[in-house]
Amino acid sequence: MLKVLYVAAWGRSGTTIVDNVLNGYPRAFSAGELRYLWRRGLVAKQSCGCGVPVPECPLWRDVLKVAFGAARPVPREVVALQTSVTRARRTPALLRRAWSDETVRYADLMSRLYRAIGEVTGATVVVDSSKLPSEAAILARRTDLETYLLHMVRDARGVAYSWSRQKLHPDRGTLMARHRPAKSTVNWLVWNGLAELVAPRYEGRYRRLRYEDLVADPRGQIESLLEFMGVPTGDGPFLDQRTVRLTPNHTVSGNPGRFNVGDIEIRDDDRWRIEQPSGERLTASALGMPMAIRYGYPVWPLRARRSVESAPHDLTQR
């Protein structure tokens, strides 16, 4: 049975690193934020990770053909269906109540898509970093897929700092969305709380991974995750314990870091410890404190002592 690794997180928590690295293992295929195949990929015609517009990518054309044949869904209709079914606030209902006809239709559509990806790529595990707890709730109730949940967490202060920065999206030519620290941290609380609500439905198939632990031991954490899922770790992309050789991928959406290729050393992007204004740090610290303590983060972190110029390559925007 095909394995699906669904990554739940609030944005800027390190999921792009996981996507990029897992895609380098022979048995894994990273689809990126698969929920956006329809809106960003097929409607807006944004770029696949391989560099061509998603509708022109041979791999995704094959996947859609295998999944749906001549009866391919209308992308705008799928977007409307997603909007109706997968709002984050619907997560508890998706776990506990009988599904509506719309939810059943959407769950079946996505299952066909996952299985087609496995058939076309030959992968035994498909990685979907769409992040929404509601979609994780839907997958938890599917019996035709072997689903795993990876819950990514990062210090709320680092997340808030990342959301506050101006970043150009290379695919769209526009600035990426920004959130103030209060909004980022409230969403951080909600998304992580909902991910924990879903977690018991993944008994024996759930892992929480802190970004800080990932960047401290990239190879160890990634290969431990694969072994947890029963996926071989041989012939992976690591050149040593923290350096990976990234090749072009076929992620349909995600952070600009998905376009990174070449030899990349993964290190902690802790510029927030140097650059984040005290007021913004206080806001994120106060709002996120209860859950931050639960995840092992200090109430008031120390500032980094190294210079900003020595900061590592930024792989952490998602």
C-alpha atoms as a PDB file:
ATOM      1  CA  MET A   1       0.000   0.000   0.000  1.00  0.00           C
ATOM      2  CA  LEU A   2       1.257   3.484  -0.857  1.00  0.00           C
ATOM      3  CA  LYS A   3       2.569   5.503   2.093  1.00  0.00           C
ATOM      4  CA  VAL A   4       1.693   9.191   2.392  1.00  0.00           C
ATOM      5  CA  LEU A   5       3.629  11.475   4.729  1.00  0.00           C
ATOM      6  CA  TYR A   6       1.512  14.526   5.465  1.00  0.00           C
ATOM      7  CA  VAL A   7       3.360  17.473   7.011  1.00  0.00           C
ATOM      8  CA  ALA A   8       1.255  19.690   9.300  1.00  0.00           C
ATOM      9  CA  ALA A   9       2.661  22.999  10.520  1.00  0.00           C
ATOM     10  CA  TRP A  10       2.194  26.724  10.644  1.00  0.00           C
ATOM     11  CA  GLY A  11       4.217  28.376   7.859  1.00  0.00           C
ATOM     12  CA  ARG A  12       7.931  29.142   8.191  1.00  0.00           C
ATOM     13  CA  SER A  13       8.559  26.094  10.373  1.00  0.00           C
ATOM     14  CA  GLY A  14      11.110  24.285   8.220  1.00  0.00           C
ATOM     15  CA  THR A  15       8.896  22.131   6.005  1.00  0.00           C
ATOM     16  CA  THR A  16      10.750  23.163   2.837  1.00  0.00           C
ATOM     17  CA  ILE A  17      13.931  21.596   4.203  1.00  0.00           C
ATOM     18  CA  VAL A  18      12.099  18.319   4.795  1.00  0.00           C
ATOM     19  CA  ASP A  19      10.544  18.454   1.311  1.00  0.00           C
ATOM     20  CA  ASN A  20      13.838  19.146  -0.453  1.00  0.00           C
ATOM     21  CA  VAL A  21      15.814  16.517   1.411  1.00  0.00           C
ATOM     22  CA  LEU A  22      13.271  13.684   1.349  1.00  0.00           C
ATOM     23  CA  ASN A  23      12.907  14.109  -2.393  1.00  0.00           C
ATOM     24  CA  GLY A  24      16.526  13.005  -2.737  1.00  0.00           C
ATOM     25  CA  TYR A  25      15.798   9.470  -1.505  1.00  0.00           C
ATOM     26  CA  PRO A  26      15.005   6.910  -4.239  1.00  0.00           C
ATOM     27  CA  ARG A  27      11.775   5.683  -2.604  1.00  0.00           C
ATOM     28  CA  ALA A  28      10.341   9.126  -1.809  1.00  0.00           C
ATOM     29  CA  PHE A  29       8.642  11.785  -3.912  1.00  0.00           C
ATOM     30  CA  SER A  30       7.988  15.279  -2.574  1.00  0.00           C
ATOM     31  CA  ALA A  31       4.948  16.926  -4.125  1.00  0.00           C
ATOM     32  CA  GLY A  32       5.328  20.139  -2.151  1.00  0.00           C
ATOM     33  CA  GLU A  33       2.062  21.759  -1.074  1.00  0.00           C
ATOM     34  CA  LEU A  34      -0.106  19.428  -3.104  1.00  0.00           C
ATOM     35  CA  ARG A  35      -3.394  21.144  -2.217  1.00  0.00           C
ATOM     36  CA  TYR A  36      -2.235  24.063  -4.396  1.00  0.00           C
ATOM     37  CA  LEU A  37      -1.848  21.935  -7.519  1.00  0.00           C
ATOM     38  CA  TRP A  38      -5.251  23.197  -8.609  1.00  0.00           C
ATOM     39  CA  ARG A  39      -5.193  26.912  -7.771  1.00  0.00           C
ATOM     40  CA  ARG A  40      -1.541  27.866  -8.108  1.00  0.00           C
ATOM     41  CA  GLY A  41      -0.463  25.149 -10.506  1.00  0.00           C
ATOM     42  CA  LEU A  42      -3.295  24.606 -12.979  1.00  0.00           C
ATOM     43  CA  VAL A  43      -5.249  27.868 -12.681  1.00  0.00           C
ATOM     44  CA  ALA A  44      -2.438  30.391 -12.086  1.00  0.00           C
ATOM     45  CA  LYS A  45       0.085  28.277 -14.072  1.00  0.00           C
ATOM     46  CA  GLN A  46       2.888  28.856 -11.621  1.00  0.00           C
ATOM     47  CA  SER A  47       6.142  26.942 -11.893  1.00  0.00           C
ATOM     48  CA  CYS A  48       6.774  23.345 -10.967  1.00  0.00           C
ATOM     49  CA  GLY A  49       9.959  22.797  -8.988  1.00  0.00           C
ATOM     50  CA  CYS A  50      11.565  21.688 -12.253  1.00  0.00           C
ATOM     51  CA  GLY A  51      11.171  25.219 -13.601  1.00  0.00           C
ATOM     52  CA  VAL A  52       8.372  24.896 -16.164  1.00  0.00           C
ATOM     53  CA  PRO A  53       4.722  25.887 -15.593  1.00  0.00           C
ATOM     54  CA  VAL A  54       2.841  23.076 -13.861  1.00  0.00           C
ATOM     55  CA  PRO A  55       0.417  22.513 -16.793  1.00  0.00           C
ATOM     56  CA  GLU A  56       3.412  21.960 -19.092  1.00  0.00           C
ATOM     57  CA  CYS A  57       5.328  19.613 -16.782  1.00  0.00           C
ATOM     58  CA  PRO A  58       5.354  16.103 -18.326  1.00  0.00           C
ATOM     59  CA  LEU A  59       5.292  14.438 -14.922  1.00  0.00           C
ATOM     60  CA  TRP A  60       2.178  16.248 -13.736  1.00  0.00           C
ATOM     61  CA  ARG A  61       0.438  15.700 -17.061  1.00  0.00           C
ATOM     62  CA  ASP A  62       1.075  11.967 -16.646  1.00  0.00           C
ATOM     63  CA  VAL A  63      -0.110  12.023 -13.025  1.00  0.00           C
ATOM     64  CA  LEU A  64      -3.372  13.750 -13.923  1.00  0.00           C
ATOM     65  CA  LYS A  65      -3.956  11.357 -16.816  1.00  0.00           C
ATOM     66  CA  VAL A  66      -3.404   8.285 -14.633  1.00  0.00           C
ATOM     67  CA  ALA A  67      -5.522   9.689 -11.813  1.00  0.00           C
ATOM     68  CA  PHE A  68      -8.511  10.903 -13.802  1.00  0.00           C
ATOM     69  CA  GLY A  69      -8.184   9.899 -17.445  1.00  0.00           C
ATOM     70  CA  ALA A  70     -10.455  11.948 -19.689  1.00  0.00           C
ATOM     71  CA  ALA A  71     -12.625  12.924 -16.696  1.00  0.00           C
ATOM     72  CA  ARG A  72     -10.087  15.311 -15.186  1.00  0.00           C
ATOM     73  CA  PRO A  73     -11.707  17.671 -12.651  1.00  0.00           C
ATOM     74  CA  VAL A  74     -12.096  21.323 -13.520  1.00  0.00           C
ATOM     75  CA  PRO A  75      -9.395  23.073 -11.453  1.00  0.00           C
ATOM     76  CA  ARG A  76     -11.572  26.009 -10.414  1.00  0.00           C
ATOM     77  CA  GLU A  77     -14.257  23.615  -9.199  1.00  0.00           C
ATOM     78  CA  VAL A  78     -11.680  21.755  -7.095  1.00  0.00           C
ATOM     79  CA  VAL A  79     -10.545  25.057  -5.599  1.00  0.00           C
ATOM     80  CA  ALA A  80     -14.146  25.835  -4.632  1.00  0.00           C
ATOM     81  CA  LEU A  81     -14.492  22.342  -3.147  1.00  0.00           C
ATOM     82  CA  GLN A  82     -11.334  22.794  -1.085  1.00  0.00           C
ATOM     83  CA  THR A  83     -12.567  26.135   0.210  1.00  0.00           C
ATOM     84  CA  SER A  84     -15.790  24.504   1.344  1.00  0.00           C
ATOM     85  CA  VAL A  85     -14.302  21.361   2.879  1.00  0.00           C
ATOM     86  CA  THR A  86     -10.848  22.102   4.305  1.00  0.00           C
ATOM     87  CA  ARG A  87     -11.096  25.265   6.371  1.00  0.00           C
ATOM     88  CA  ALA A  88      -8.922  24.863   9.468  1.00  0.00           C
ATOM     89  CA  ARG A  89     -11.868  25.429  11.803  1.00  0.00           C
ATOM     90  CA  ARG A  90     -13.560  22.334  10.388  1.00  0.00           C
ATOM     91  CA  THR A  91     -10.802  20.039  11.691  1.00  0.00           C
ATOM     92  CA  PRO A  92     -12.697  18.783  14.786  1.00  0.00           C
ATOM     93  CA  ALA A  93     -15.829  18.035  12.738  1.00  0.00           C
ATOM     94  CA  LEU A  94     -13.821  16.178  10.091  1.00  0.00           C
ATOM     95  CA  LEU A  95     -12.484  13.886  12.819  1.00  0.00           C
ATOM     96  CA  ARG A  96     -15.732  13.157  14.643  1.00  0.00           C
ATOM     97  CA  ARG A  97     -18.762  13.572  12.410  1.00  0.00           C
ATOM     98  CA  ALA A  98     -20.103  11.792   9.360  1.00  0.00           C
ATOM     99  CA  TRP A  99     -18.729  13.394   6.229  1.00  0.00           C
ATOM    100  CA  SER A 100     -20.776  15.422   3.801  1.00  0.00           C
ATOM    101  CA  ASP A 101     -20.982  14.356   0.162  1.00  0.00           C
ATOM    102  CA  GLU A 102     -18.583  17.200  -0.665  1.00  0.00           C
ATOM    103  CA  THR A 103     -16.003  15.907   1.816  1.00  0.00           C
ATOM    104  CA  VAL A 104     -16.264  12.362   0.469  1.00  0.00           C
ATOM    105  CA  ARG A 105     -15.813  13.666  -3.073  1.00  0.00           C
ATOM    106  CA  TYR A 106     -12.746  15.686  -2.122  1.00  0.00           C
ATOM    107  CA  ALA A 107     -11.180  12.833  -0.136  1.00  0.00           C
ATOM    108  CA  ASP A 108     -11.660  10.442  -3.071  1.00  0.00           C
ATOM    109  CA  LEU A 109     -10.180  12.959  -5.504  1.00  0.00           C
ATOM    110  CA  MET A 110      -7.041  13.429  -3.420  1.00  0.00           C
ATOM    111  CA  SER A 111      -6.642   9.680  -2.838  1.00  0.00           C
ATOM    112  CA  ARG A 112      -6.694   9.099  -6.587  1.00  0.00           C
ATOM    113  CA  LEU A 113      -4.080  11.812  -6.982  1.00  0.00           C
ATOM    114  CA  TYR A 114      -1.765  10.292  -4.357  1.00  0.00           C
ATOM    115  CA  ARG A 115      -2.015   6.828  -5.897  1.00  0.00           C
ATOM    116  CA  ALA A 116      -1.343   8.195  -9.374  1.00  0.00           C
ATOM    117  CA  ILE A 117       1.780   9.971  -8.104  1.00  0.00           C
ATOM    118  CA  GLY A 118       3.016   6.672  -6.693  1.00  0.00           C
ATOM    119  CA  GLU A 119       2.288   4.855  -9.957  1.00  0.00           C
ATOM    120  CA  VAL A 120       3.942   7.450 -12.211  1.00  0.00           C
ATOM    121  CA  THR A 121       7.032   8.080 -10.054  1.00  0.00           C
ATOM    122  CA  GLY A 122       7.526   4.587  -8.628  1.00  0.00           C
ATOM    123  CA  ALA A 123       7.809   6.084  -5.139  1.00  0.00           C
ATOM    124  CA  THR A 124       6.697   4.105  -2.105  1.00  0.00           C
ATOM    125  CA  VAL A 125       6.103   7.278  -0.057  1.00  0.00           C
ATOM    126  CA  VAL A 126       4.569  10.559  -1.256  1.00  0.00           C
ATOM    127  CA  VAL A 127       5.381  13.647   0.816  1.00  0.00           C
ATOM    128  CA  ASP A 128       2.675  16.311   0.977  1.00  0.00           C
ATOM    129  CA  SER A 129       3.664  19.478   2.852  1.00  0.00           C
ATOM    130  CA  SER A 130       0.305  21.244   2.504  1.00  0.00           C
ATOM    131  CA  LYS A 131       0.384  21.859   6.274  1.00  0.00           C
ATOM    132  CA  LEU A 132      -3.367  22.117   6.932  1.00  0.00           C
ATOM    133  CA  PRO A 133      -4.554  20.127   9.992  1.00  0.00           C
ATOM    134  CA  SER A 134      -7.964  19.721   8.344  1.00  0.00           C
ATOM    135  CA  GLU A 135      -6.462  17.800   5.439  1.00  0.00           C
ATOM    136  CA  ALA A 136      -4.494  15.673   7.903  1.00  0.00           C
ATOM    137  CA  ALA A 137      -7.835  14.905   9.563  1.00  0.00           C
ATOM    138  CA  ILE A 138      -9.279  13.731   6.240  1.00  0.00           C
ATOM    139  CA  LEU A 139      -6.276  11.516   5.528  1.00  0.00           C
ATOM    140  CA  ALA A 140      -6.487   9.985   8.998  1.00  0.00           C
ATOM    141  CA  ARG A 141      -9.809   8.406   8.058  1.00  0.00           C
ATOM    142  CA  ARG A 142      -8.718   6.931   4.716  1.00  0.00           C
ATOM    143  CA  THR A 143      -8.159   3.177   4.614  1.00  0.00           C
ATOM    144  CA  ASP A 144      -6.800   2.971   1.062  1.00  0.00           C
ATOM    145  CA  LEU A 145      -3.541   4.743   1.980  1.00  0.00           C
ATOM    146  CA  GLU A 146      -0.965   4.158   4.713  1.00  0.00           C
ATOM    147  CA  THR A 147      -0.793   7.658   6.104  1.00  0.00           C
ATOM    148  CA  TYR A 148       1.749   9.197   8.470  1.00  0.00           C
ATOM    149  CA  LEU A 149       1.631  12.609  10.119  1.00  0.00           C
ATOM    150  CA  LEU A 150       4.738  14.729  10.633  1.00  0.00           C
ATOM    151  CA  HIS A 151       4.037  17.700  12.899  1.00  0.00           C
ATOM    152  CA  MET A 152       6.708  20.368  12.360  1.00  0.00           C
ATOM    153  CA  VAL A 153       7.257  22.976  15.094  1.00  0.00           C
ATOM    154  CA  ARG A 154       9.577  25.962  15.324  1.00  0.00           C
ATOM    155  CA  ASP A 155      10.121  28.569  18.052  1.00  0.00           C
ATOM    156  CA  ALA A 156       7.276  31.086  17.676  1.00  0.00           C
ATOM    157  CA  ARG A 157       9.750  33.976  17.850  1.00  0.00           C
ATOM    158  CA  GLY A 158      11.697  32.683  14.862  1.00  0.00           C
ATOM    159  CA  VAL A 159       8.454  32.058  12.982  1.00  0.00           C
ATOM    160  CA  ALA A 160       7.161  35.563  13.707  1.00  0.00           C
ATOM    161  CA  TYR A 161      10.448  37.101  12.564  1.00  0.00           C
ATOM    162  CA  SER A 162      10.348  35.157   9.296  1.00  0.00           C
ATOM    163  CA  TRP A 163       6.764  36.257   8.611  1.00  0.00           C
ATOM    164  CA  SER A 164       7.692  39.896   9.245  1.00  0.00           C
ATOM    165  CA  ARG A 165      10.412  40.056   6.600  1.00  0.00           C
ATOM    166  CA  GLN A 166       9.912  41.225   3.032  1.00  0.00           C
ATOM    167  CA  LYS A 167      10.637  38.387   0.613  1.00  0.00           C
ATOM    168  CA  LEU A 168      10.296  38.291  -3.127  1.00  0.00           C
ATOM    169  CA  HIS A 169       8.585  35.240  -4.537  1.00  0.00           C
ATOM    170  CA  PRO A 170      10.731  34.213  -7.546  1.00  0.00           C
ATOM    171  CA  ASP A 171       7.855  32.377  -9.211  1.00  0.00           C
ATOM    172  CA  ARG A 172       5.296  35.181  -9.010  1.00  0.00           C
ATOM    173  CA  GLY A 173       7.526  38.252  -9.122  1.00  0.00           C
ATOM    174  CA  THR A 174       5.649  39.720  -6.153  1.00  0.00           C
ATOM    175  CA  LEU A 175       6.340  40.090  -2.453  1.00  0.00           C
ATOM    176  CA  MET A 176       5.216  37.202  -0.284  1.00  0.00           C
ATOM    177  CA  ALA A 177       2.523  37.699   2.349  1.00  0.00           C
ATOM    178  CA  ARG A 178       3.615  39.141   5.689  1.00  0.00           C
ATOM    179  CA  HIS A 179       2.065  38.793   9.150  1.00  0.00           C
ATOM    180  CA  ARG A 180       2.559  40.892  12.253  1.00  0.00           C
ATOM    181  CA  PRO A 181       3.974  38.991  15.259  1.00  0.00           C
ATOM    182  CA  ALA A 182       0.604  38.835  17.022  1.00  0.00           C
ATOM    183  CA  LYS A 183      -1.184  37.318  14.025  1.00  0.00           C
ATOM    184  CA  SER A 184       1.657  34.913  13.282  1.00  0.00           C
ATOM    185  CA  THR A 185       1.772  33.690  16.882  1.00  0.00           C
ATOM    186  CA  VAL A 186      -1.994  33.277  17.224  1.00  0.00           C
ATOM    187  CA  ASN A 187      -1.996  31.224  14.025  1.00  0.00           C
ATOM    188  CA  TRP A 188       1.018  29.293  15.348  1.00  0.00           C
ATOM    189  CA  LEU A 189      -1.026  28.399  18.438  1.00  0.00           C
ATOM    190  CA  VAL A 190      -4.112  27.416  16.432  1.00  0.00           C
ATOM    191  CA  TRP A 191      -2.302  25.334  13.807  1.00  0.00           C
ATOM    192  CA  ASN A 192      -0.201  23.473  16.369  1.00  0.00           C
ATOM    193  CA  GLY A 193      -3.191  22.919  18.633  1.00  0.00           C
ATOM    194  CA  LEU A 194      -5.221  21.480  15.753  1.00  0.00           C
ATOM    195  CA  ALA A 195      -2.293  19.269  14.689  1.00  0.00           C
ATOM    196  CA  GLU A 196      -2.191  17.849  18.212  1.00  0.00           C
ATOM    197  CA  LEU A 197      -5.943  17.279  18.054  1.00  0.00           C
ATOM    198  CA  VAL A 198      -5.464  15.175  14.917  1.00  0.00           C
ATOM    199  CA  ALA A 199      -2.391  13.317  16.223  1.00  0.00           C
ATOM    200  CA  PRO A 200      -4.218  10.568  18.207  1.00  0.00           C
ATOM    201  CA  ARG A 201      -5.852   9.402  14.962  1.00  0.00           C
ATOM    202  CA  TYR A 202      -2.358   8.570  13.727  1.00  0.00           C
ATOM    203  CA  GLU A 203      -1.512   6.183  16.543  1.00  0.00           C
ATOM    204  CA  GLY A 204       1.894   4.668  15.795  1.00  0.00           C
ATOM    205  CA  ARG A 205       2.180   6.860  12.678  1.00  0.00           C
ATOM    206  CA  TYR A 206       2.729  10.311  14.190  1.00  0.00           C
ATOM    207  CA  ARG A 207       5.920  12.226  14.861  1.00  0.00           C
ATOM    208  CA  ARG A 208       6.594  15.725  16.088  1.00  0.00           C
ATOM    209  CA  LEU A 209       9.817  17.294  14.866  1.00  0.00           C
ATOM    210  CA  ARG A 210      11.183  20.622  16.052  1.00  0.00           C
ATOM    211  CA  TYR A 211      12.967  22.693  13.446  1.00  0.00           C
ATOM    212  CA  GLU A 212      15.771  23.279  15.941  1.00  0.00           C
ATOM    213  CA  ASP A 213      16.351  19.524  16.319  1.00  0.00           C
ATOM    214  CA  LEU A 214      16.247  19.056  12.553  1.00  0.00           C
ATOM    215  CA  VAL A 215      18.963  21.622  11.840  1.00  0.00           C
ATOM    216  CA  ALA A 216      21.085  20.341  14.731  1.00  0.00           C
ATOM    217  CA  ASP A 217      21.231  16.842  13.195  1.00  0.00           C
ATOM    218  CA  PRO A 218      19.743  16.923   9.672  1.00  0.00           C
ATOM    219  CA  ARG A 219      20.807  13.502   8.473  1.00  0.00           C
ATOM    220  CA  GLY A 220      19.997  11.780  11.754  1.00  0.00           C
ATOM    221  CA  GLN A 221      16.509  13.289  11.980  1.00  0.00           C
ATOM    222  CA  ILE A 222      15.568  12.683   8.330  1.00  0.00           C
ATOM    223  CA  GLU A 223      16.788   9.109   8.246  1.00  0.00           C
ATOM    224  CA  SER A 224      15.168   8.357  11.603  1.00  0.00           C
ATOM    225  CA  LEU A 225      11.888   9.571  10.100  1.00  0.00           C
ATOM    226  CA  LEU A 226      12.271   7.320   7.057  1.00  0.00           C
ATOM    227  CA  GLU A 227      13.144   4.322   9.208  1.00  0.00           C
ATOM    228  CA  PHE A 228      10.073   5.064  11.338  1.00  0.00           C
ATOM    229  CA  MET A 229       7.986   4.701   8.171  1.00  0.00           C
ATOM    230  CA  GLY A 230       9.816   1.578   7.020  1.00  0.00           C
ATOM    231  CA  VAL A 231      11.453   3.331   4.054  1.00  0.00           C
ATOM    232  CA  PRO A 232      15.070   2.422   3.107  1.00  0.00           C
ATOM    233  CA  THR A 233      17.607   5.211   3.607  1.00  0.00           C
ATOM    234  CA  GLY A 234      20.332   4.025   1.230  1.00  0.00           C
ATOM    235  CA  ASP A 235      21.529   6.186  -1.679  1.00  0.00           C
ATOM    236  CA  GLY A 236      20.172   9.348  -0.096  1.00  0.00           C
ATOM    237  CA  PRO A 237      21.305  12.924  -0.861  1.00  0.00           C
ATOM    238  CA  PHE A 238      23.516  13.513   2.199  1.00  0.00           C
ATOM    239  CA  LEU A 239      27.218  14.018   1.530  1.00  0.00           C
ATOM    240  CA  ASP A 240      27.939  14.185   5.263  1.00  0.00           C
ATOM    241  CA  GLN A 241      25.878  14.725   8.408  1.00  0.00           C
ATOM    242  CA  ARG A 242      24.525  18.118   7.351  1.00  0.00           C
ATOM    243  CA  THR A 243      25.380  18.670   3.665  1.00  0.00           C
ATOM    244  CA  VAL A 244      22.894  17.552   1.003  1.00  0.00           C
ATOM    245  CA  ARG A 245      23.041  17.506  -2.771  1.00  0.00           C
ATOM    246  CA  LEU A 246      19.708  18.847  -3.994  1.00  0.00           C
ATOM    247  CA  THR A 247      18.490  18.155  -7.524  1.00  0.00           C
ATOM    248  CA  PRO A 248      15.484  19.719  -9.305  1.00  0.00           C
ATOM    249  CA  ASN A 249      12.172  18.454  -7.981  1.00  0.00           C
ATOM    250  CA  HIS A 250       8.527  18.483  -9.024  1.00  0.00           C
ATOM    251  CA  THR A 251       6.969  20.328  -6.100  1.00  0.00           C
ATOM    252  CA  VAL A 252       3.811  22.087  -7.289  1.00  0.00           C
ATOM    253  CA  SER A 253       3.890  24.881  -4.717  1.00  0.00           C
ATOM    254  CA  GLY A 254       5.700  26.002  -1.621  1.00  0.00           C
ATOM    255  CA  ASN A 255       8.363  28.331  -0.364  1.00  0.00           C
ATOM    256  CA  PRO A 256      10.956  29.717  -2.823  1.00  0.00           C
ATOM    257  CA  GLY A 257      13.484  27.420  -1.149  1.00  0.00           C
ATOM    258  CA  ARG A 258      12.002  24.568  -3.181  1.00  0.00           C
ATOM    259  CA  PHE A 259      13.983  25.867  -6.182  1.00  0.00           C
ATOM    260  CA  ASN A 260      17.329  25.394  -4.393  1.00  0.00           C
ATOM    261  CA  VAL A 261      19.693  22.979  -6.111  1.00  0.00           C
ATOM    262  CA  GLY A 262      23.306  21.962  -5.576  1.00  0.00           C
ATOM    263  CA  ASP A 263      25.273  21.187  -2.441  1.00  0.00           C
ATOM    264  CA  ILE A 264      23.651  22.890   0.564  1.00  0.00           C
ATOM    265  CA  GLU A 265      24.838  22.863   4.154  1.00  0.00           C
ATOM    266  CA  ILE A 266      21.866  22.852   6.525  1.00  0.00           C
ATOM    267  CA  ARG A 267      22.382  25.056   9.558  1.00  0.00           C
ATOM    268  CA  ASP A 268      20.168  26.934  11.959  1.00  0.00           C
ATOM    269  CA  ASP A 269      18.847  30.190  10.518  1.00  0.00           C
ATOM    270  CA  ASP A 270      18.773  32.088  13.818  1.00  0.00           C
ATOM    271  CA  ARG A 271      19.019  35.638  12.515  1.00  0.00           C
ATOM    272  CA  TRP A 272      15.899  36.404  14.528  1.00  0.00           C
ATOM    273  CA  ARG A 273      17.991  36.175  17.691  1.00  0.00           C
ATOM    274  CA  ILE A 274      20.059  39.126  16.449  1.00  0.00           C
ATOM    275  CA  GLU A 275      17.639  41.199  14.406  1.00  0.00           C
ATOM    276  CA  GLN A 276      14.171  40.804  15.931  1.00  0.00           C
ATOM    277  CA  PRO A 277      13.031  43.974  17.755  1.00  0.00           C
ATOM    278  CA  SER A 278      12.440  43.455  21.468  1.00  0.00           C
ATOM    279  CA  GLY A 279       8.788  44.501  21.220  1.00  0.00           C
ATOM    280  CA  GLU A 280       8.042  41.916  18.541  1.00  0.00           C
ATOM    281  CA  ARG A 281       9.891  39.267  20.511  1.00  0.00           C
ATOM    282  CA  LEU A 282       7.928  40.132  23.649  1.00  0.00           C
ATOM    283  CA  THR A 283       4.635  39.839  21.734  1.00  0.00           C
ATOM    284  CA  ALA A 284       5.488  36.407  20.332  1.00  0.00           C
ATOM    285  CA  SER A 285       6.891  35.241  23.680  1.00  0.00           C
ATOM    286  CA  ALA A 286       3.847  36.300  25.698  1.00  0.00           C
ATOM    287  CA  LEU A 287       1.225  34.947  23.297  1.00  0.00           C
ATOM    288  CA  GLY A 288       3.011  31.686  22.568  1.00  0.00           C
ATOM    289  CA  MET A 289       4.262  30.955  26.096  1.00  0.00           C
ATOM    290  CA  PRO A 290       1.948  28.066  27.124  1.00  0.00           C
ATOM    291  CA  MET A 291       2.620  25.998  24.023  1.00  0.00           C
ATOM    292  CA  ALA A 292       6.235  27.141  23.728  1.00  0.00           C
ATOM    293  CA  ILE A 293       6.964  25.697  27.169  1.00  0.00           C
ATOM    294  CA  ARG A 294       5.240  22.475  26.123  1.00  0.00           C
ATOM    295  CA  TYR A 295       7.603  22.214  23.158  1.00  0.00           C
ATOM    296  CA  GLY A 296      10.687  22.911  25.248  1.00  0.00           C
ATOM    297  CA  TYR A 297      11.390  26.499  24.197  1.00  0.00           C
ATOM    298  CA  PRO A 298      12.812  29.022  26.704  1.00  0.00           C
ATOM    299  CA  VAL A 299      10.539  31.781  27.980  1.00  0.00           C
ATOM    300  CA  TRP A 300      13.056  34.460  26.913  1.00  0.00           C
ATOM    301  CA  PRO A 301      15.807  33.211  24.561  1.00  0.00           C
ATOM    302  CA  LEU A 302      19.320  34.634  24.520  1.00  0.00           C
ATOM    303  CA  ARG A 303      20.484  36.680  21.575  1.00  0.00           C
ATOM    304  CA  ALA A 304      22.985  35.019  19.248  1.00  0.00           C
ATOM    305  CA  ARG A 305      26.556  36.286  19.602  1.00  0.00           C
ATOM    306  CA  ARG A 306      27.836  35.734  16.074  1.00  0.00           C
ATOM    307  CA  SER A 307      27.585  38.350  13.333  1.00  0.00           C
ATOM    308  CA  VAL A 308      24.678  38.501  10.907  1.00  0.00           C
ATOM    309  CA  GLU A 309      27.119  38.082   8.013  1.00  0.00           C
ATOM    310  CA  SER A 310      27.970  34.592   9.258  1.00  0.00           C
ATOM    311  CA  ALA A 311      24.338  33.464   9.112  1.00  0.00           C
ATOM    312  CA  PRO A 312      23.850  30.276   7.092  1.00  0.00           C
ATOM    313  CA  HIS A 313      22.010  29.938   3.801  1.00  0.00           C
ATOM    314  CA  ASP A 314      18.307  30.526   4.461  1.00  0.00           C
ATOM    315  CA  LEU A 315      16.434  27.263   3.915  1.00  0.00           C
ATOM    316  CA  THR A 316      13.851  27.970   6.560  1.00  0.00           C
ATOM    317  CA  GLN A 317      11.272  30.236   5.037  1.00  0.00           C
ATOM    318  CA  ARG A 318       8.579  27.578   5.372  1.00  0.00           C
END
